[in-house]
Amino acid sequence: VGIPAKSGVSGGIIAVVPNQAGIAVFSPPLDEHGNSVRGVKVFEALSEKYGFHLFDLSLGRCRFASALQDAGPLEGHGA
């Protein structure tokens, strides 16, 4: 999904948006690669919504924090 991440066999995934944030999710159902099914969907949604990518040099220092303040819940997730 364009951002560095590491998953574990327990269903956890941690990811880094360079110079902005670290994000962790936990949801045990795993896919055939051993990654959390819902966790991958969360990171795909965040990457698509905010344009996160490791090689995007245009990311401003506070873009992620500003986006979180302005954002509501992700589609399909309760408040």
C-alpha atoms as a PDB file:
ATOM      1  CA  VAL A   1       0.000   0.000   0.000  1.00  0.00           C
ATOM      2  CA  GLY A   2       3.030   2.264  -0.224  1.00  0.00           C
ATOM      3  CA  ILE A   3       4.077   2.661   3.417  1.00  0.00           C
ATOM      4  CA  PRO A   4       6.611   0.577   5.389  1.00  0.00           C
ATOM      5  CA  ALA A   5       4.882  -1.986   7.610  1.00  0.00           C
ATOM      6  CA  LYS A   6       5.516  -5.213   9.512  1.00  0.00           C
ATOM      7  CA  SER A   7       2.911  -7.830  10.355  1.00  0.00           C
ATOM      8  CA  GLY A   8       2.917 -10.605  12.924  1.00  0.00           C
ATOM      9  CA  VAL A   9       1.216 -14.001  13.015  1.00  0.00           C
ATOM     10  CA  SER A  10      -1.063 -12.807  15.834  1.00  0.00           C
ATOM     11  CA  GLY A  11      -2.873 -10.381  13.491  1.00  0.00           C
ATOM     12  CA  GLY A  12      -1.038  -7.184  14.358  1.00  0.00           C
ATOM     13  CA  ILE A  13       0.407  -4.751  11.830  1.00  0.00           C
ATOM     14  CA  ILE A  14       2.543  -1.701  12.561  1.00  0.00           C
ATOM     15  CA  ALA A  15       3.326   0.879   9.895  1.00  0.00           C
ATOM     16  CA  VAL A  16       5.216   4.143   9.612  1.00  0.00           C
ATOM     17  CA  VAL A  17       4.326   7.260   7.672  1.00  0.00           C
ATOM     18  CA  PRO A  18       7.876   8.678   7.498  1.00  0.00           C
ATOM     19  CA  ASN A  19       8.401  11.864   9.538  1.00  0.00           C
ATOM     20  CA  GLN A  20       4.717  11.900  10.505  1.00  0.00           C
ATOM     21  CA  ALA A  21       3.297   8.952  12.448  1.00  0.00           C
ATOM     22  CA  GLY A  22       3.386   5.340  13.474  1.00  0.00           C
ATOM     23  CA  ILE A  23       0.129   3.400  13.220  1.00  0.00           C
ATOM     24  CA  ALA A  24      -0.759  -0.010  14.665  1.00  0.00           C
ATOM     25  CA  VAL A  25      -3.801  -2.214  14.088  1.00  0.00           C
ATOM     26  CA  PHE A  26      -4.803  -5.601  15.491  1.00  0.00           C
ATOM     27  CA  SER A  27      -7.351  -8.023  14.045  1.00  0.00           C
ATOM     28  CA  PRO A  28      -6.607 -11.771  14.143  1.00  0.00           C
ATOM     29  CA  PRO A  29      -8.243 -13.183  10.957  1.00  0.00           C
ATOM     30  CA  LEU A  30      -5.267 -13.696   8.593  1.00  0.00           C
ATOM     31  CA  ASP A  31      -5.024 -13.974   4.804  1.00  0.00           C
ATOM     32  CA  GLU A  32      -3.003 -16.594   2.901  1.00  0.00           C
ATOM     33  CA  HIS A  33       0.158 -14.490   3.396  1.00  0.00           C
ATOM     34  CA  GLY A  34      -0.253 -14.325   7.188  1.00  0.00           C
ATOM     35  CA  ASN A  35      -1.392 -10.674   7.242  1.00  0.00           C
ATOM     36  CA  SER A  36      -4.433  -9.346   9.084  1.00  0.00           C
ATOM     37  CA  VAL A  37      -7.265  -9.131   6.534  1.00  0.00           C
ATOM     38  CA  ARG A  38      -8.908  -6.118   8.187  1.00  0.00           C
ATOM     39  CA  GLY A  39      -5.560  -4.531   9.036  1.00  0.00           C
ATOM     40  CA  VAL A  40      -4.491  -4.524   5.394  1.00  0.00           C
ATOM     41  CA  LYS A  41      -7.845  -2.951   4.459  1.00  0.00           C
ATOM     42  CA  VAL A  42      -7.309  -0.192   7.035  1.00  0.00           C
ATOM     43  CA  PHE A  43      -3.889   0.668   5.615  1.00  0.00           C
ATOM     44  CA  GLU A  44      -5.196   0.512   2.039  1.00  0.00           C
ATOM     45  CA  ALA A  45      -8.004   2.929   2.976  1.00  0.00           C
ATOM     46  CA  LEU A  46      -5.614   5.321   4.755  1.00  0.00           C
ATOM     47  CA  SER A  47      -3.161   5.195   1.862  1.00  0.00           C
ATOM     48  CA  GLU A  48      -5.898   5.856  -0.691  1.00  0.00           C
ATOM     49  CA  LYS A  49      -7.615   8.605   1.316  1.00  0.00           C
ATOM     50  CA  TYR A  50      -4.459  10.519   2.284  1.00  0.00           C
ATOM     51  CA  GLY A  51      -2.103   9.554  -0.560  1.00  0.00           C
ATOM     52  CA  PHE A  52       0.529   8.003   1.711  1.00  0.00           C
ATOM     53  CA  HIS A  53       3.485   6.516  -0.122  1.00  0.00           C
ATOM     54  CA  LEU A  54       7.063   5.954   0.976  1.00  0.00           C
ATOM     55  CA  PHE A  55       8.447   7.697  -2.113  1.00  0.00           C
ATOM     56  CA  ASP A  56       6.101  10.708  -2.043  1.00  0.00           C
ATOM     57  CA  LEU A  57       8.510  13.521  -1.213  1.00  0.00           C
ATOM     58  CA  SER A  58       5.750  16.149  -1.210  1.00  0.00           C
ATOM     59  CA  LEU A  59       4.342  15.030   2.156  1.00  0.00           C
ATOM     60  CA  GLY A  60       4.339  18.002   4.490  1.00  0.00           C
ATOM     61  CA  ARG A  61       5.470  17.531   8.059  1.00  0.00           C
ATOM     62  CA  CYS A  62       2.016  17.983   9.582  1.00  0.00           C
ATOM     63  CA  ARG A  63      -0.164  16.685   6.747  1.00  0.00           C
ATOM     64  CA  PHE A  64      -1.090  13.457   8.542  1.00  0.00           C
ATOM     65  CA  ALA A  65      -1.978  15.119  11.845  1.00  0.00           C
ATOM     66  CA  SER A  66      -4.020  17.789  10.054  1.00  0.00           C
ATOM     67  CA  ALA A  67      -5.858  15.142   8.049  1.00  0.00           C
ATOM     68  CA  LEU A  68      -6.731  13.179  11.182  1.00  0.00           C
ATOM     69  CA  GLN A  69      -8.172  16.278  12.822  1.00  0.00           C
ATOM     70  CA  ASP A  70     -10.364  16.985   9.787  1.00  0.00           C
ATOM     71  CA  ALA A  71     -11.391  13.379   9.081  1.00  0.00           C
ATOM     72  CA  GLY A  72     -14.385  11.508  10.308  1.00  0.00           C
ATOM     73  CA  PRO A  73     -14.459   7.735  10.694  1.00  0.00           C
ATOM     74  CA  LEU A  74     -13.313   5.607   7.765  1.00  0.00           C
ATOM     75  CA  GLU A  75     -16.123   4.341   5.580  1.00  0.00           C
ATOM     76  CA  GLY A  76     -17.597   1.171   7.040  1.00  0.00           C
ATOM     77  CA  HIS A  77     -16.347   1.878  10.566  1.00  0.00           C
ATOM     78  CA  GLY A  78     -18.418   3.182  13.461  1.00  0.00           C
ATOM     79  CA  ALA A  79     -17.723   6.412  15.287  1.00  0.00           C
END
